């Protein structure tokens, strides 16, 4: 996908709720939050290069789709446009593939790393992460299909398929959640409640210099936070003390064992980094050319 096509694709996605959005709206996505979805619909999307996992996920899609075709002796349809629900135009779907036949189905392709494999079940089952259940359920609703197959490649060398049947009760829940989000948050430009530190950082990037008066509840939250930070600091000190004692006993040894069991390792690892200060002294003009100013907000309890 070239830059122009990607820009058009991102613009189209801002016109509705997609399958990868609904899981975040429901709070079951490990990749993004409802606030992330809100901002992606209401603010211009920067044309940054996709992350490595996103890049490779798209790169291997044709290969996984081809494997599915070979397994079933059919030619998968690869749509190149974003689709919409016939009644709810705010419901959109960007399908990886359509399984042709008298009863067509959704084909969703996933490139799964080894560390995430434990969240998946046996081949042929419907045991997949909740965010993907929500995703394909959304696609089935948009296309009025009765089933979806998730074709997944695990660790780059293990292919598995999972089948998810249409569930009318789940579908109703998703549509209701999507409708509420679209009409109560996106269209009126009212952000959903922040759930993470990343959410509040994204919503409130800079301060206005003013002050807000705390009520009793907010004062209590600050008191609780002070207490939690004090406990955390004490625990960090304890951890550092224990680690210091263990490392001192290990000395130059790379491994620590107890009755044949490996307890810990302390191995030398080489790393490379750019010495920014030395580079700036040697090439001040070049350094100035690539200097970038960024802003962030620092939170301090008083």
Protein backbone atom coordinates (compact mmCIF):
# COMPACT_ATOMS: atom_id res chain seq x y z
CA UNK A 1 0.00 0.00 0.00
CA UNK A 2 1.60 3.26 -1.13
CA UNK A 3 1.36 6.54 0.80
CA UNK A 4 -1.61 7.85 -1.22
CA UNK A 5 -3.58 4.62 -0.83
CA UNK A 6 -2.79 4.49 2.88
CA UNK A 7 -4.00 8.07 3.34
CA UNK A 8 -7.29 7.24 1.58
CA UNK A 9 -7.66 4.08 3.66
CA UNK A 10 -7.13 5.94 6.94
CA UNK A 11 -9.58 8.65 5.88
CA UNK A 12 -12.23 6.03 5.07
CA UNK A 13 -11.76 4.36 8.45
CA UNK A 14 -12.57 7.64 10.18
CA UNK A 15 -16.09 7.51 8.72
CA UNK A 16 -17.25 4.61 10.87
CA UNK A 17 -16.57 1.99 13.53
CA UNK A 18 -14.52 -0.97 12.26
CA UNK A 19 -13.95 -4.50 13.44
CA UNK A 20 -10.62 -3.70 15.08
CA UNK A 21 -12.28 -0.77 16.89
CA UNK A 22 -15.17 -2.57 18.57
CA UNK A 23 -12.97 -4.68 20.86
CA UNK A 24 -11.27 -1.53 22.14
CA UNK A 25 -14.63 0.15 22.70
CA UNK A 26 -15.70 -2.84 24.81
CA UNK A 27 -12.40 -2.84 26.70
CA UNK A 28 -11.18 -6.27 25.55
CA UNK A 29 -8.43 -5.17 23.16
CA UNK A 30 -4.81 -5.39 24.33
CA UNK A 31 -3.75 -3.10 21.49
CA UNK A 32 -5.76 0.10 22.00
CA UNK A 33 -8.38 1.75 24.19
CA UNK A 34 -11.69 3.47 23.55
CA UNK A 35 -9.87 6.80 23.78
CA UNK A 36 -7.46 5.66 21.05
CA UNK A 37 -10.44 4.83 18.83
CA UNK A 38 -12.09 8.18 19.59
CA UNK A 39 -8.96 10.14 18.69
CA UNK A 40 -8.44 8.12 15.50
CA UNK A 41 -11.94 9.17 14.37
CA UNK A 42 -11.82 12.81 15.42
CA UNK A 43 -8.26 13.89 14.73
CA UNK A 44 -6.14 13.77 11.56
CA UNK A 45 -4.15 10.55 11.46
CA UNK A 46 -0.39 11.15 11.09
CA UNK A 47 1.21 9.37 8.17
CA UNK A 48 3.77 7.56 10.30
CA UNK A 49 5.44 4.42 9.08
CA UNK A 50 3.54 1.37 10.39
CA UNK A 51 5.08 -0.47 13.34
CA UNK A 52 7.14 -3.57 12.57
CA UNK A 53 4.44 -6.02 13.67
CA UNK A 54 1.87 -4.15 11.55
CA UNK A 55 4.19 -4.14 8.54
CA UNK A 56 4.87 -7.87 8.73
CA UNK A 57 1.24 -8.62 9.49
CA UNK A 58 0.25 -7.04 6.18
CA UNK A 59 3.24 -8.54 4.35
CA UNK A 60 2.34 -12.16 5.15
CA UNK A 61 -1.41 -11.79 4.53
CA UNK A 62 -1.23 -13.00 0.89
CA UNK A 63 0.85 -16.01 1.95
CA UNK A 64 -1.60 -17.06 4.66
CA UNK A 65 -4.55 -16.48 2.31
CA UNK A 66 -2.85 -18.70 -0.28
CA UNK A 67 -2.39 -21.45 2.32
CA UNK A 68 -6.11 -21.28 3.13
CA UNK A 69 -6.94 -21.55 -0.57
CA UNK A 70 -4.69 -24.60 -0.92
CA UNK A 71 -6.21 -26.27 2.15
CA UNK A 72 -9.77 -25.90 0.85
CA UNK A 73 -9.32 -25.86 -2.92
CA UNK A 74 -11.02 -22.50 -3.35
CA UNK A 75 -9.92 -19.06 -4.48
CA UNK A 76 -10.33 -16.52 -1.71
CA UNK A 77 -11.80 -13.15 -2.68
CA UNK A 78 -9.55 -10.31 -1.46
CA UNK A 79 -11.68 -7.11 -1.25
CA UNK A 80 -9.84 -3.84 -1.86
CA UNK A 81 -12.49 -1.47 -0.50
CA UNK A 82 -14.01 -0.76 2.90
CA UNK A 83 -17.54 -2.15 3.20
CA UNK A 84 -20.54 -0.73 5.06
CA UNK A 85 -23.61 -2.14 6.75
CA UNK A 86 -26.66 -1.55 4.50
CA UNK A 87 -28.64 0.10 7.32
CA UNK A 88 -26.00 1.40 9.72
CA UNK A 89 -23.51 3.35 7.60
CA UNK A 90 -21.30 3.93 10.64
CA UNK A 91 -20.57 0.18 10.73
CA UNK A 92 -17.62 -0.48 8.43
CA UNK A 93 -15.51 -3.54 7.65
CA UNK A 94 -12.10 -3.96 6.08
CA UNK A 95 -12.09 -7.68 5.28
CA UNK A 96 -8.92 -9.67 4.70
CA UNK A 97 -10.89 -12.10 2.58
CA UNK A 98 -14.27 -13.53 1.65
CA UNK A 99 -14.77 -17.29 1.49
CA UNK A 100 -16.87 -17.85 -1.66
CA UNK A 101 -19.74 -20.32 -2.02
CA UNK A 102 -23.47 -20.68 -1.48
CA UNK A 103 -22.83 -19.69 2.14
CA UNK A 104 -20.01 -17.16 1.94
CA UNK A 105 -18.03 -16.39 5.05
CA UNK A 106 -15.49 -13.98 6.49
CA UNK A 107 -11.81 -14.86 6.27
CA UNK A 108 -9.71 -13.06 8.86
CA UNK A 109 -5.93 -13.47 8.72
CA UNK A 110 -3.66 -13.22 11.74
CA UNK A 111 0.11 -13.35 12.14
CA UNK A 112 0.58 -14.42 15.78
CA UNK A 113 3.87 -14.26 17.66
CA UNK A 114 4.94 -17.18 19.81
CA UNK A 115 4.35 -15.33 23.09
CA UNK A 116 0.67 -14.73 22.24
CA UNK A 117 -0.03 -18.32 21.18
CA UNK A 118 -1.19 -19.40 24.65
CA UNK A 119 -4.31 -17.24 24.27
CA UNK A 120 -5.47 -19.42 21.37
CA UNK A 121 -7.12 -22.84 21.51
CA UNK A 122 -6.90 -25.99 19.43
CA UNK A 123 -7.22 -25.89 15.66
CA UNK A 124 -10.82 -26.01 14.52
CA UNK A 125 -12.14 -24.54 17.76
CA UNK A 126 -13.54 -21.06 18.36
CA UNK A 127 -11.09 -20.39 21.19
CA UNK A 128 -9.52 -17.13 20.06
CA UNK A 129 -8.81 -13.87 21.94
CA UNK A 130 -11.98 -11.90 22.71
CA UNK A 131 -10.90 -8.92 20.64
CA UNK A 132 -10.82 -11.15 17.54
CA UNK A 133 -14.18 -12.73 18.38
CA UNK A 134 -15.61 -9.21 18.48
CA UNK A 135 -13.83 -8.31 15.25
CA UNK A 136 -15.18 -11.18 13.14
CA UNK A 137 -18.63 -10.89 14.76
CA UNK A 138 -18.67 -7.27 13.59
CA UNK A 139 -17.68 -8.29 10.07
CA UNK A 140 -20.40 -10.97 9.97
CA UNK A 141 -22.94 -8.34 10.99
CA UNK A 142 -21.80 -5.92 8.28
CA UNK A 143 -21.84 -8.58 5.55
CA UNK A 144 -24.77 -10.67 6.90
CA UNK A 145 -22.63 -13.83 6.89
CA UNK A 146 -23.17 -16.81 9.18
CA UNK A 147 -19.60 -17.80 9.93
CA UNK A 148 -16.00 -16.64 9.94
CA UNK A 149 -12.71 -18.49 9.71
CA UNK A 150 -9.59 -17.07 11.30
CA UNK A 151 -6.50 -18.36 9.50
CA UNK A 152 -3.52 -17.81 11.78
CA UNK A 153 0.22 -18.30 11.40
CA UNK A 154 1.96 -18.89 14.74
CA UNK A 155 5.62 -18.06 15.18
CA UNK A 156 6.12 -17.94 11.43
CA UNK A 157 5.88 -21.72 10.96
CA UNK A 158 2.63 -23.15 12.38
CA UNK A 159 -0.65 -22.71 10.49
CA UNK A 160 -4.00 -23.14 12.24
CA UNK A 161 -7.64 -22.37 11.46
CA UNK A 162 -10.42 -21.37 13.85
CA UNK A 163 -14.12 -21.17 13.07
CA UNK A 164 -16.49 -18.69 14.71
CA UNK A 165 -20.25 -18.98 14.16
CA UNK A 166 -22.57 -16.00 14.08
CA UNK A 167 -24.08 -15.17 17.48
CA UNK A 168 -27.13 -12.91 17.35
CA UNK A 169 -26.95 -11.98 21.06
CA UNK A 170 -23.29 -10.98 20.83
CA UNK A 171 -24.01 -9.11 17.61
CA UNK A 172 -26.73 -7.06 19.30
CA UNK A 173 -24.36 -6.14 22.14
CA UNK A 174 -21.66 -5.06 19.68
CA UNK A 175 -24.01 -2.98 17.56
CA UNK A 176 -25.47 -1.27 20.63
CA UNK A 177 -21.97 -0.47 21.95
CA UNK A 178 -20.84 0.78 18.55
CA UNK A 179 -23.93 2.93 18.08
CA UNK A 180 -23.55 4.49 21.53
CA UNK A 181 -19.89 5.23 20.92
CA UNK A 182 -20.48 6.75 17.48
CA UNK A 183 -23.44 8.96 18.39
CA UNK A 184 -22.53 9.88 21.98
CA UNK A 185 -18.79 10.31 21.59
CA UNK A 186 -17.49 10.57 18.01
CA UNK A 187 -20.13 12.76 16.36
CA UNK A 188 -20.53 15.26 19.25
CA UNK A 189 -16.77 15.19 19.90
CA UNK A 190 -17.14 14.10 23.53
CA UNK A 191 -14.24 11.89 24.57
CA UNK A 192 -14.95 8.64 26.45
CA UNK A 193 -13.67 8.19 29.99
CA UNK A 194 -9.90 7.80 30.23
CA UNK A 195 -8.90 4.36 31.53
CA UNK A 196 -5.10 4.51 31.36
CA UNK A 197 -2.25 6.98 31.84
CA UNK A 198 -1.75 6.84 28.09
CA UNK A 199 -5.38 7.92 27.64
CA UNK A 200 -5.03 11.05 29.78
CA UNK A 201 -1.70 11.90 28.14
CA UNK A 202 -3.35 11.69 24.71
CA UNK A 203 -6.41 13.71 25.70
CA UNK A 204 -4.62 16.46 27.65
CA UNK A 205 -1.27 17.00 25.97
CA UNK A 206 -0.61 20.50 27.32
CA UNK A 207 -1.76 22.59 30.28
CA UNK A 208 -3.55 25.95 30.19
CA UNK A 209 -1.79 27.35 33.25
CA UNK A 210 -4.97 27.31 35.34
CA UNK A 211 -5.88 25.49 38.56
CA UNK A 212 -8.73 23.18 39.51
CA UNK A 213 -10.19 23.03 43.02
CA UNK A 214 -10.26 19.48 44.39
CA UNK A 215 -13.33 18.11 46.15
CA UNK A 216 -13.13 15.64 49.03
CA UNK A 217 -13.10 12.63 46.69
CA UNK A 218 -10.22 13.98 44.61
CA UNK A 219 -8.29 14.94 47.76
CA UNK A 220 -8.73 11.36 48.98
CA UNK A 221 -7.37 10.03 45.68
CA UNK A 222 -4.24 12.16 46.07
CA UNK A 223 -3.80 10.86 49.62
CA UNK A 224 -4.14 7.27 48.42
CA UNK A 225 -1.63 7.89 45.63
CA UNK A 226 0.93 9.35 48.06
CA UNK A 227 0.58 6.28 50.25
CA UNK A 228 0.88 3.89 47.30
CA UNK A 229 3.98 5.67 46.01
CA UNK A 230 5.60 5.50 49.45
CA UNK A 231 4.91 1.76 49.64
CA UNK A 232 6.22 1.30 46.12
CA UNK A 233 9.43 3.19 46.94
CA UNK A 234 9.95 1.01 50.00
CA UNK A 235 9.40 -2.14 47.94
CA UNK A 236 11.84 -0.95 45.26
CA UNK A 237 14.48 -0.37 47.93
CA UNK A 238 13.92 -3.87 49.30
CA UNK A 239 14.20 -5.36 45.81
CA UNK A 240 17.44 -3.49 45.15
CA UNK A 241 18.89 -4.65 48.48
CA UNK A 242 18.05 -8.32 47.82
CA UNK A 243 19.38 -8.13 44.25
CA UNK A 244 22.60 -6.51 45.47
CA UNK A 245 23.22 -9.31 47.98
CA UNK A 246 22.56 -12.03 45.39
CA UNK A 247 24.79 -10.43 42.75
CA UNK A 248 27.57 -9.89 45.29
CA UNK A 249 27.51 -13.62 46.06
CA UNK A 250 27.55 -14.50 42.35
CA UNK A 251 30.56 -12.30 41.65
CA UNK A 252 31.80 -13.01 38.12
CA UNK A 253 29.67 -16.15 37.70
CA UNK A 254 27.05 -16.05 34.94
CA UNK A 255 24.60 -18.47 36.59
CA UNK A 256 23.27 -19.26 40.05
CA UNK A 257 22.12 -22.81 40.82
CA UNK A 258 20.55 -24.61 43.77
CA UNK A 259 20.54 -28.41 43.89
CA UNK A 260 20.63 -28.61 40.11
CA UNK A 261 17.94 -25.95 39.60
CA UNK A 262 18.80 -22.74 37.76
CA UNK A 263 17.83 -19.83 40.03
CA UNK A 264 19.18 -16.81 38.16
CA UNK A 265 21.52 -15.63 35.43
CA UNK A 266 23.72 -12.52 35.32
CA UNK A 267 25.27 -12.44 31.90
CA UNK A 268 27.28 -9.83 30.05
CA UNK A 269 25.39 -8.31 27.14
CA UNK A 270 26.90 -5.98 24.56
CA UNK A 271 24.91 -2.95 23.46
CA UNK A 272 25.55 -0.02 21.18
CA UNK A 273 24.26 3.52 21.54
CA UNK A 274 24.96 6.89 20.03
CA UNK A 275 26.85 9.28 22.32
CA UNK A 276 24.64 12.32 21.70
CA UNK A 277 26.83 14.73 23.68
CA UNK A 278 30.00 13.74 21.78
CA UNK A 279 28.16 13.89 18.45
CA UNK A 280 26.83 17.37 19.24
CA UNK A 281 30.33 18.60 20.09
CA UNK A 282 31.79 17.14 16.89
CA UNK A 283 28.93 18.15 14.55
CA UNK A 284 26.96 21.02 16.15
CA UNK A 285 25.38 22.24 12.89
CA UNK A 286 24.28 18.76 11.83
CA UNK A 287 22.89 18.07 15.28
CA UNK A 288 20.91 21.32 15.20
CA UNK A 289 19.47 20.37 11.80
CA UNK A 290 17.88 17.23 13.25
CA UNK A 291 16.97 18.60 16.68
CA UNK A 292 13.29 18.10 17.50
CA UNK A 293 11.40 19.80 20.30
CA UNK A 294 8.78 17.74 22.10
CA UNK A 295 6.43 18.58 24.95
CA UNK A 296 5.19 16.44 27.81
CA UNK A 297 3.45 17.06 31.11
CA UNK A 298 5.10 16.09 34.39
CA UNK A 299 2.85 15.08 37.30
CA UNK A 300 4.15 15.73 40.83
CA UNK A 301 2.34 15.29 44.13
CA UNK A 302 2.93 18.13 46.60
